[in-house]
Amino acid sequence: MTHREITLQDQPSQAPHAVAELVDGQAVIIHLRRGIYVSLNETGSFLWERLDGETSLEAIARELAENYDVDITVTRPDVLDLVRELLAEDLITL
C-alpha cells in the first residue's frame, strides 16, 4: 500500500470499524476488527468528533485554536501528528 503525506487540506473520516464512546469528555475508540482501543485526551476527542469526511484538518486546527485560545501555529502540527497516529492504527480513512 502506498502512503502519502497527510495535509491540512485532507478531510479524514472515522473508520467504519471504529466505534467511540465519550467518557468524562474523553473519547475511547475501539477498533472492532483488531480488538484494540485508544483513549484520547480532551483535545484529541475534540478532533475525533470532527472527523466527518467533510471538514478539513485546517478547519479543525482553526476551531481547536479558537476553542482553546492558542495560536493556530500550535494546533496545526498537533492535528497532523494525531491524525497520522490514528491513520497508523487504522482508525480513520482519508
PDB file of N, CA and C in Angstrom:
ATOM      1  N   MET A   1       0.842  -1.166   0.000  1.00  0.00           N
ATOM      2  CA  MET A   1       0.000   0.000   0.000  1.00  0.00           C
ATOM      3  C   MET A   1       0.893   1.237   0.000  1.00  0.00           C
ATOM      4  N   THR A   2       0.535   2.224  -0.785  1.00  0.00           N
ATOM      5  CA  THR A   2       1.291   3.454  -0.874  1.00  0.00           C
ATOM      6  C   THR A   2       0.804   4.440   0.179  1.00  0.00           C
ATOM      7  N   HIS A   3       1.750   5.015   0.901  1.00  0.00           N
ATOM      8  CA  HIS A   3       1.393   6.011   1.900  1.00  0.00           C
ATOM      9  C   HIS A   3       1.710   7.384   1.339  1.00  0.00           C
ATOM     10  N   ARG A   4       0.852   8.321   1.597  1.00  0.00           N
ATOM     11  CA  ARG A   4       1.103   9.689   1.170  1.00  0.00           C
ATOM     12  C   ARG A   4       1.089  10.594   2.388  1.00  0.00           C
ATOM     13  N   GLU A   5       1.691  11.729   2.227  1.00  0.00           N
ATOM     14  CA  GLU A   5       1.756  12.683   3.323  1.00  0.00           C
ATOM     15  C   GLU A   5       0.365  13.276   3.568  1.00  0.00           C
ATOM     16  N   ILE A   6       0.007  13.385   4.814  1.00  0.00           N
ATOM     17  CA  ILE A   6      -1.261  13.986   5.202  1.00  0.00           C
ATOM     18  C   ILE A   6      -1.075  15.498   5.187  1.00  0.00           C
ATOM     19  N   THR A   7      -2.077  16.205   4.664  1.00  0.00           N
ATOM     20  CA  THR A   7      -2.017  17.659   4.608  1.00  0.00           C
ATOM     21  C   THR A   7      -3.210  18.256   5.345  1.00  0.00           C
ATOM     22  N   LEU A   8      -3.123  19.528   5.602  1.00  0.00           N
ATOM     23  CA  LEU A   8      -4.216  20.230   6.274  1.00  0.00           C
ATOM     24  C   LEU A   8      -5.461  20.348   5.404  1.00  0.00           C
ATOM     25  N   GLN A   9      -5.322  20.064   4.113  1.00  0.00           N
ATOM     26  CA  GLN A   9      -6.483  20.105   3.229  1.00  0.00           C
ATOM     27  C   GLN A   9      -7.266  18.775   3.250  1.00  0.00           C
ATOM     28  N   ASP A  10      -6.674  17.725   3.805  1.00  0.00           N
ATOM     29  CA  ASP A  10      -7.351  16.432   3.874  1.00  0.00           C
ATOM     30  C   ASP A  10      -8.596  16.527   4.742  1.00  0.00           C
ATOM     31  N   GLN A  11      -9.549  15.637   4.432  1.00  0.00           N
ATOM     32  CA  GLN A  11     -10.818  15.586   5.147  1.00  0.00           C
ATOM     33  C   GLN A  11     -11.068  14.144   5.605  1.00  0.00           C
ATOM     34  N   PRO A  12     -10.315  13.677   6.589  1.00  0.00           N
ATOM     35  CA  PRO A  12     -10.463  12.284   7.014  1.00  0.00           C
ATOM     36  C   PRO A  12     -11.800  12.035   7.716  1.00  0.00           C
ATOM     37  N   SER A  13     -12.146  10.767   7.779  1.00  0.00           N
ATOM     38  CA  SER A  13     -13.355  10.382   8.499  1.00  0.00           C
ATOM     39  C   SER A  13     -13.035   9.211   9.420  1.00  0.00           C
ATOM     40  N   GLN A  14     -13.878   9.032  10.399  1.00  0.00           N
ATOM     41  CA  GLN A  14     -13.740   7.901  11.304  1.00  0.00           C
ATOM     42  C   GLN A  14     -13.959   6.625  10.498  1.00  0.00           C
ATOM     43  N   ALA A  15     -13.137   5.622  10.736  1.00  0.00           N
ATOM     44  CA  ALA A  15     -13.275   4.355  10.017  1.00  0.00           C
ATOM     45  C   ALA A  15     -14.571   3.665  10.444  1.00  0.00           C
ATOM     46  N   PRO A  16     -15.210   2.953   9.508  1.00  0.00           N
ATOM     47  CA  PRO A  16     -16.463   2.278   9.858  1.00  0.00           C
ATOM     48  C   PRO A  16     -16.290   1.175  10.901  1.00  0.00           C
ATOM     49  N   HIS A  17     -15.088   0.664  11.042  1.00  0.00           N
ATOM     50  CA  HIS A  17     -14.835  -0.396  12.022  1.00  0.00           C
ATOM     51  C   HIS A  17     -14.290   0.171  13.341  1.00  0.00           C
ATOM     52  N   ALA A  18     -14.428   1.479  13.522  1.00  0.00           N
ATOM     53  CA  ALA A  18     -14.014   2.127  14.771  1.00  0.00           C
ATOM     54  C   ALA A  18     -15.254   2.719  15.432  1.00  0.00           C
ATOM     55  N   VAL A  19     -15.456   2.362  16.671  1.00  0.00           N
ATOM     56  CA  VAL A  19     -16.559   2.935  17.432  1.00  0.00           C
ATOM     57  C   VAL A  19     -15.975   3.670  18.625  1.00  0.00           C
ATOM     58  N   ALA A  20     -16.647   4.729  19.014  1.00  0.00           N
ATOM     59  CA  ALA A  20     -16.127   5.542  20.114  1.00  0.00           C
ATOM     60  C   ALA A  20     -17.235   5.869  21.096  1.00  0.00           C
ATOM     61  N   GLU A  21     -16.815   6.051  22.300  1.00  0.00           N
ATOM     62  CA  GLU A  21     -17.707   6.468  23.378  1.00  0.00           C
ATOM     63  C   GLU A  21     -16.991   7.573  24.146  1.00  0.00           C
ATOM     64  N   LEU A  22     -17.710   8.624  24.482  1.00  0.00           N
ATOM     65  CA  LEU A  22     -17.132   9.675  25.299  1.00  0.00           C
ATOM     66  C   LEU A  22     -17.321   9.312  26.771  1.00  0.00           C
ATOM     67  N   VAL A  23     -16.225   9.311  27.507  1.00  0.00           N
ATOM     68  CA  VAL A  23     -16.249   9.032  28.934  1.00  0.00           C
ATOM     69  C   VAL A  23     -15.540  10.194  29.624  1.00  0.00           C
ATOM     70  N   ASP A  24     -16.293  10.954  30.403  1.00  0.00           N
ATOM     71  CA  ASP A  24     -15.744  12.135  31.080  1.00  0.00           C
ATOM     72  C   ASP A  24     -15.033  13.069  30.103  1.00  0.00           C
ATOM     73  N   GLY A  25     -15.627  13.283  28.940  1.00  0.00           N
ATOM     74  CA  GLY A  25     -15.072  14.205  27.957  1.00  0.00           C
ATOM     75  C   GLY A  25     -13.924  13.660  27.140  1.00  0.00           C
ATOM     76  N   GLN A  26     -13.602  12.386  27.326  1.00  0.00           N
ATOM     77  CA  GLN A  26     -12.500  11.788  26.579  1.00  0.00           C
ATOM     78  C   GLN A  26     -13.022  10.622  25.745  1.00  0.00           C
ATOM     79  N   ALA A  27     -12.616  10.588  24.486  1.00  0.00           N
ATOM     80  CA  ALA A  27     -13.057   9.529  23.579  1.00  0.00           C
ATOM     81  C   ALA A  27     -12.258   8.255  23.825  1.00  0.00           C
ATOM     82  N   VAL A  28     -12.973   7.157  23.928  1.00  0.00           N
ATOM     83  CA  VAL A  28     -12.365   5.834  23.948  1.00  0.00           C
ATOM     84  C   VAL A  28     -12.803   5.179  22.641  1.00  0.00           C
ATOM     85  N   ILE A  29     -11.837   4.896  21.780  1.00  0.00           N
ATOM     86  CA  ILE A  29     -12.114   4.372  20.440  1.00  0.00           C
ATOM     87  C   ILE A  29     -11.729   2.903  20.407  1.00  0.00           C
ATOM     88  N   ILE A  30     -12.644   2.080  19.904  1.00  0.00           N
ATOM     89  CA  ILE A  30     -12.385   0.645  19.804  1.00  0.00           C
ATOM     90  C   ILE A  30     -12.329   0.259  18.333  1.00  0.00           C
ATOM     91  N   HIS A  31     -11.258  -0.416  17.961  1.00  0.00           N
ATOM     92  CA  HIS A  31     -11.100  -0.963  16.610  1.00  0.00           C
ATOM     93  C   HIS A  31     -11.757  -2.342  16.638  1.00  0.00           C
ATOM     94  N   LEU A  32     -12.908  -2.468  16.009  1.00  0.00           N
ATOM     95  CA  LEU A  32     -13.701  -3.692  16.116  1.00  0.00           C
ATOM     96  C   LEU A  32     -13.024  -4.916  15.498  1.00  0.00           C
ATOM     97  N   ARG A  33     -12.228  -4.735  14.480  1.00  0.00           N
ATOM     98  CA  ARG A  33     -11.563  -5.879  13.828  1.00  0.00           C
ATOM     99  C   ARG A  33     -10.352  -6.371  14.609  1.00  0.00           C
ATOM    100  N   ARG A  34      -9.609  -5.440  15.171  1.00  0.00           N
ATOM    101  CA  ARG A  34      -8.367  -5.801  15.856  1.00  0.00           C
ATOM    102  C   ARG A  34      -8.530  -5.956  17.358  1.00  0.00           C
ATOM    103  N   GLY A  35      -9.639  -5.481  17.887  1.00  0.00           N
ATOM    104  CA  GLY A  35      -9.887  -5.608  19.308  1.00  0.00           C
ATOM    105  C   GLY A  35      -9.001  -4.737  20.178  1.00  0.00           C
ATOM    106  N   ILE A  36      -8.510  -3.631  19.632  1.00  0.00           N
ATOM    107  CA  ILE A  36      -7.689  -2.718  20.415  1.00  0.00           C
ATOM    108  C   ILE A  36      -8.497  -1.463  20.717  1.00  0.00           C
ATOM    109  N   TYR A  37      -8.040  -0.721  21.684  1.00  0.00           N
ATOM    110  CA  TYR A  37      -8.685   0.556  21.945  1.00  0.00           C
ATOM    111  C   TYR A  37      -7.645   1.641  22.172  1.00  0.00           C
ATOM    112  N   VAL A  38      -8.074   2.853  21.884  1.00  0.00           N
ATOM    113  CA  VAL A  38      -7.242   4.028  22.049  1.00  0.00           C
ATOM    114  C   VAL A  38      -8.050   5.035  22.847  1.00  0.00           C
ATOM    115  N   SER A  39      -7.420   5.643  23.813  1.00  0.00           N
ATOM    116  CA  SER A  39      -8.068   6.673  24.611  1.00  0.00           C
ATOM    117  C   SER A  39      -7.457   8.017  24.248  1.00  0.00           C
ATOM    118  N   LEU A  40      -8.309   8.992  23.990  1.00  0.00           N
ATOM    119  CA  LEU A  40      -7.843  10.321  23.613  1.00  0.00           C
ATOM    120  C   LEU A  40      -8.122  11.316  24.726  1.00  0.00           C
ATOM    121  N   ASN A  41      -7.227  12.285  24.874  1.00  0.00           N
ATOM    122  CA  ASN A  41      -7.463  13.347  25.846  1.00  0.00           C
ATOM    123  C   ASN A  41      -8.537  14.295  25.310  1.00  0.00           C
ATOM    124  N   GLU A  42      -8.789  15.365  26.025  1.00  0.00           N
ATOM    125  CA  GLU A  42      -9.869  16.284  25.666  1.00  0.00           C
ATOM    126  C   GLU A  42      -9.692  16.887  24.277  1.00  0.00           C
ATOM    127  N   THR A  43      -8.485  17.345  23.962  1.00  0.00           N
ATOM    128  CA  THR A  43      -8.275  17.965  22.652  1.00  0.00           C
ATOM    129  C   THR A  43      -8.278  16.921  21.537  1.00  0.00           C
ATOM    130  N   GLY A  44      -7.763  15.729  21.814  1.00  0.00           N
ATOM    131  CA  GLY A  44      -7.841  14.645  20.829  1.00  0.00           C
ATOM    132  C   GLY A  44      -9.283  14.255  20.561  1.00  0.00           C
ATOM    133  N   SER A  45     -10.093  14.258  21.596  1.00  0.00           N
ATOM    134  CA  SER A  45     -11.510  13.946  21.464  1.00  0.00           C
ATOM    135  C   SER A  45     -12.228  15.022  20.650  1.00  0.00           C
ATOM    136  N   PHE A  46     -11.822  16.273  20.854  1.00  0.00           N
ATOM    137  CA  PHE A  46     -12.354  17.392  20.084  1.00  0.00           C
ATOM    138  C   PHE A  46     -12.119  17.143  18.596  1.00  0.00           C
ATOM    139  N   LEU A  47     -10.902  16.733  18.257  1.00  0.00           N
ATOM    140  CA  LEU A  47     -10.566  16.429  16.867  1.00  0.00           C
ATOM    141  C   LEU A  47     -11.376  15.234  16.368  1.00  0.00           C
ATOM    142  N   TRP A  48     -11.427  14.150  17.137  1.00  0.00           N
ATOM    143  CA  TRP A  48     -12.111  12.928  16.735  1.00  0.00           C
ATOM    144  C   TRP A  48     -13.565  13.204  16.347  1.00  0.00           C
ATOM    145  N   GLU A  49     -14.241  14.007  17.152  1.00  0.00           N
ATOM    146  CA  GLU A  49     -15.654  14.291  16.894  1.00  0.00           C
ATOM    147  C   GLU A  49     -15.871  15.042  15.581  1.00  0.00           C
ATOM    148  N   ARG A  50     -14.837  15.665  15.048  1.00  0.00           N
ATOM    149  CA  ARG A  50     -14.969  16.448  13.827  1.00  0.00           C
ATOM    150  C   ARG A  50     -14.470  15.723  12.573  1.00  0.00           C
ATOM    151  N   LEU A  51     -14.020  14.505  12.729  1.00  0.00           N
ATOM    152  CA  LEU A  51     -13.542  13.729  11.574  1.00  0.00           C
ATOM    153  C   LEU A  51     -14.738  13.114  10.856  1.00  0.00           C
ATOM    154  N   ASP A  52     -15.345  13.909   9.976  1.00  0.00           N
ATOM    155  CA  ASP A  52     -16.595  13.520   9.326  1.00  0.00           C
ATOM    156  C   ASP A  52     -16.459  13.313   7.818  1.00  0.00           C
ATOM    157  N   GLY A  53     -15.236  13.415   7.287  1.00  0.00           N
ATOM    158  CA  GLY A  53     -15.036  13.247   5.848  1.00  0.00           C
ATOM    159  C   GLY A  53     -15.358  14.500   5.049  1.00  0.00           C
ATOM    160  N   GLU A  54     -15.821  15.543   5.720  1.00  0.00           N
ATOM    161  CA  GLU A  54     -16.173  16.789   5.035  1.00  0.00           C
ATOM    162  C   GLU A  54     -15.404  17.993   5.570  1.00  0.00           C
ATOM    163  N   THR A  55     -14.928  17.891   6.790  1.00  0.00           N
ATOM    164  CA  THR A  55     -14.240  19.006   7.434  1.00  0.00           C
ATOM    165  C   THR A  55     -12.733  18.839   7.256  1.00  0.00           C
ATOM    166  N   SER A  56     -12.084  19.888   6.756  1.00  0.00           N
ATOM    167  CA  SER A  56     -10.636  19.804   6.542  1.00  0.00           C
ATOM    168  C   SER A  56      -9.893  19.865   7.871  1.00  0.00           C
ATOM    169  N   LEU A  57      -8.693  19.333   7.868  1.00  0.00           N
ATOM    170  CA  LEU A  57      -7.861  19.401   9.062  1.00  0.00           C
ATOM    171  C   LEU A  57      -7.505  20.836   9.389  1.00  0.00           C
ATOM    172  N   GLU A  58      -7.394  21.683   8.380  1.00  0.00           N
ATOM    173  CA  GLU A  58      -7.148  23.115   8.608  1.00  0.00           C
ATOM    174  C   GLU A  58      -8.305  23.722   9.400  1.00  0.00           C
ATOM    175  N   ALA A  59      -9.530  23.403   9.018  1.00  0.00           N
ATOM    176  CA  ALA A  59     -10.699  23.932   9.731  1.00  0.00           C
ATOM    177  C   ALA A  59     -10.736  23.422  11.172  1.00  0.00           C
ATOM    178  N   ILE A  60     -10.374  22.164  11.363  1.00  0.00           N
ATOM    179  CA  ILE A  60     -10.341  21.603  12.717  1.00  0.00           C
ATOM    180  C   ILE A  60      -9.252  22.289  13.540  1.00  0.00           C
ATOM    181  N   ALA A  61      -8.082  22.483  12.951  1.00  0.00           N
ATOM    182  CA  ALA A  61      -6.987  23.157  13.654  1.00  0.00           C
ATOM    183  C   ALA A  61      -7.386  24.577  14.035  1.00  0.00           C
ATOM    184  N   ARG A  62      -8.076  25.255  13.144  1.00  0.00           N
ATOM    185  CA  ARG A  62      -8.519  26.627  13.415  1.00  0.00           C
ATOM    186  C   ARG A  62      -9.552  26.640  14.544  1.00  0.00           C
ATOM    187  N   GLU A  63     -10.511  25.720  14.494  1.00  0.00           N
ATOM    188  CA  GLU A  63     -11.538  25.649  15.544  1.00  0.00           C
ATOM    189  C   GLU A  63     -10.922  25.274  16.894  1.00  0.00           C
ATOM    190  N   LEU A  64      -9.967  24.368  16.856  1.00  0.00           N
ATOM    191  CA  LEU A  64      -9.262  23.960  18.078  1.00  0.00           C
ATOM    192  C   LEU A  64      -8.511  25.152  18.684  1.00  0.00           C
ATOM    193  N   ALA A  65      -7.838  25.927  17.840  1.00  0.00           N
ATOM    194  CA  ALA A  65      -7.105  27.107  18.310  1.00  0.00           C
ATOM    195  C   ALA A  65      -8.052  28.122  18.942  1.00  0.00           C
ATOM    196  N   GLU A  66      -9.185  28.344  18.291  1.00  0.00           N
ATOM    197  CA  GLU A  66     -10.151  29.302  18.821  1.00  0.00           C
ATOM    198  C   GLU A  66     -10.769  28.800  20.120  1.00  0.00           C
ATOM    199  N   ASN A  67     -11.120  27.526  20.157  1.00  0.00           N
ATOM    200  CA  ASN A  67     -11.798  26.958  21.318  1.00  0.00           C
ATOM    201  C   ASN A  67     -10.901  26.929  22.559  1.00  0.00           C
ATOM    202  N   TYR A  68      -9.604  26.645  22.347  1.00  0.00           N
ATOM    203  CA  TYR A  68      -8.680  26.526  23.469  1.00  0.00           C
ATOM    204  C   TYR A  68      -7.777  27.745  23.635  1.00  0.00           C
ATOM    205  N   ASP A  69      -8.056  28.791  22.859  1.00  0.00           N
ATOM    206  CA  ASP A  69      -7.336  30.059  22.954  1.00  0.00           C
ATOM    207  C   ASP A  69      -5.816  29.885  22.855  1.00  0.00           C
ATOM    208  N   VAL A  70      -5.409  29.163  21.799  1.00  0.00           N
ATOM    209  CA  VAL A  70      -3.988  29.008  21.483  1.00  0.00           C
ATOM    210  C   VAL A  70      -3.779  29.406  20.029  1.00  0.00           C
ATOM    211  N   ASP A  71      -2.538  29.630  19.661  1.00  0.00           N
ATOM    212  CA  ASP A  71      -2.233  30.043  18.296  1.00  0.00           C
ATOM    213  C   ASP A  71      -2.361  28.856  17.345  1.00  0.00           C
ATOM    214  N   ILE A  72      -2.829  29.118  16.151  1.00  0.00           N
ATOM    215  CA  ILE A  72      -3.001  28.053  15.161  1.00  0.00           C
ATOM    216  C   ILE A  72      -1.673  27.409  14.767  1.00  0.00           C
ATOM    217  N   THR A  73      -0.576  28.127  14.954  1.00  0.00           N
ATOM    218  CA  THR A  73       0.726  27.520  14.655  1.00  0.00           C
ATOM    219  C   THR A  73       1.049  26.383  15.623  1.00  0.00           C
ATOM    220  N   VAL A  74       0.350  26.340  16.741  1.00  0.00           N
ATOM    221  CA  VAL A  74       0.489  25.243  17.699  1.00  0.00           C
ATOM    222  C   VAL A  74      -0.436  24.091  17.313  1.00  0.00           C
ATOM    223  N   THR A  75      -1.664  24.413  16.938  1.00  0.00           N
ATOM    224  CA  THR A  75      -2.648  23.353  16.686  1.00  0.00           C
ATOM    225  C   THR A  75      -2.429  22.628  15.359  1.00  0.00           C
ATOM    226  N   ARG A  76      -1.931  23.323  14.353  1.00  0.00           N
ATOM    227  CA  ARG A  76      -1.729  22.656  13.056  1.00  0.00           C
ATOM    228  C   ARG A  76      -0.838  21.419  13.165  1.00  0.00           C
ATOM    229  N   PRO A  77       0.379  21.522  13.703  1.00  0.00           N
ATOM    230  CA  PRO A  77       1.215  20.315  13.795  1.00  0.00           C
ATOM    231  C   PRO A  77       0.625  19.260  14.740  1.00  0.00           C
ATOM    232  N   ASP A  78      -0.042  19.706  15.797  1.00  0.00           N
ATOM    233  CA  ASP A  78      -0.653  18.750  16.717  1.00  0.00           C
ATOM    234  C   ASP A  78      -1.749  17.942  16.026  1.00  0.00           C
ATOM    235  N   VAL A  79      -2.573  18.626  15.240  1.00  0.00           N
ATOM    236  CA  VAL A  79      -3.640  17.952  14.497  1.00  0.00           C
ATOM    237  C   VAL A  79      -3.039  16.943  13.525  1.00  0.00           C
ATOM    238  N   LEU A  80      -2.026  17.357  12.780  1.00  0.00           N
ATOM    239  CA  LEU A  80      -1.401  16.445  11.811  1.00  0.00           C
ATOM    240  C   LEU A  80      -0.775  15.240  12.506  1.00  0.00           C
ATOM    241  N   ASP A  81      -0.118  15.459  13.634  1.00  0.00           N
ATOM    242  CA  ASP A  81       0.501  14.345  14.368  1.00  0.00           C
ATOM    243  C   ASP A  81      -0.542  13.339  14.834  1.00  0.00           C
ATOM    244  N   LEU A  82      -1.635  13.823  15.414  1.00  0.00           N
ATOM    245  CA  LEU A  82      -2.661  12.904  15.905  1.00  0.00           C
ATOM    246  C   LEU A  82      -3.326  12.155  14.755  1.00  0.00           C
ATOM    247  N   VAL A  83      -3.583  12.834  13.664  1.00  0.00           N
ATOM    248  CA  VAL A  83      -4.198  12.175  12.512  1.00  0.00           C
ATOM    249  C   VAL A  83      -3.275  11.090  11.962  1.00  0.00           C
ATOM    250  N   ARG A  84      -1.986  11.351  11.935  1.00  0.00           N
ATOM    251  CA  ARG A  84      -1.032  10.320  11.492  1.00  0.00           C
ATOM    252  C   ARG A  84      -1.105   9.099  12.403  1.00  0.00           C
ATOM    253  N   GLU A  85      -1.193   9.320  13.705  1.00  0.00           N
ATOM    254  CA  GLU A  85      -1.291   8.207  14.655  1.00  0.00           C
ATOM    255  C   GLU A  85      -2.590   7.421  14.461  1.00  0.00           C
ATOM    256  N   LEU A  86      -3.694   8.128  14.301  1.00  0.00           N
ATOM    257  CA  LEU A  86      -4.981   7.461  14.105  1.00  0.00           C
ATOM    258  C   LEU A  86      -5.002   6.677  12.794  1.00  0.00           C
ATOM    259  N   LEU A  87      -4.365   7.239  11.773  1.00  0.00           N
ATOM    260  CA  LEU A  87      -4.283   6.544  10.484  1.00  0.00           C
ATOM    261  C   LEU A  87      -3.422   5.294  10.607  1.00  0.00           C
ATOM    262  N   ALA A  88      -2.323   5.388  11.321  1.00  0.00           N
ATOM    263  CA  ALA A  88      -1.432   4.233  11.521  1.00  0.00           C
ATOM    264  C   ALA A  88      -2.149   3.114  12.277  1.00  0.00           C
ATOM    265  N   GLU A  89      -3.084   3.473  13.151  1.00  0.00           N
ATOM    266  CA  GLU A  89      -3.855   2.478  13.904  1.00  0.00           C
ATOM    267  C   GLU A  89      -5.092   2.011  13.134  1.00  0.00           C
ATOM    268  N   ASP A  90      -5.279   2.534  11.906  1.00  0.00           N
ATOM    269  CA  ASP A  90      -6.403   2.158  11.052  1.00  0.00           C
ATOM    270  C   ASP A  90      -7.752   2.553  11.664  1.00  0.00           C
ATOM    271  N   LEU A  91      -7.757   3.709  12.350  1.00  0.00           N
ATOM    272  CA  LEU A  91      -8.975   4.181  12.985  1.00  0.00           C
ATOM    273  C   LEU A  91      -9.674   5.260  12.163  1.00  0.00           C
ATOM    274  N   ILE A  92      -8.979   5.780  11.140  1.00  0.00           N
ATOM    275  CA  ILE A  92      -9.581   6.775  10.253  1.00  0.00           C
ATOM    276  C   ILE A  92      -9.273   6.411   8.809  1.00  0.00           C
ATOM    277  N   THR A  93     -10.015   7.016   7.915  1.00  0.00           N
ATOM    278  CA  THR A  93      -9.780   6.842   6.479  1.00  0.00           C
ATOM    279  C   THR A  93      -9.639   8.214   5.841  1.00  0.00           C
ATOM    280  N   LEU A  94      -8.859   8.246   4.763  1.00  0.00           N
ATOM    281  CA  LEU A  94      -8.673   9.510   4.030  1.00  0.00           C
ATOM    282  C   LEU A  94      -9.546   9.538   2.803  1.00  0.00           C
TER     283      LEU A  94
END
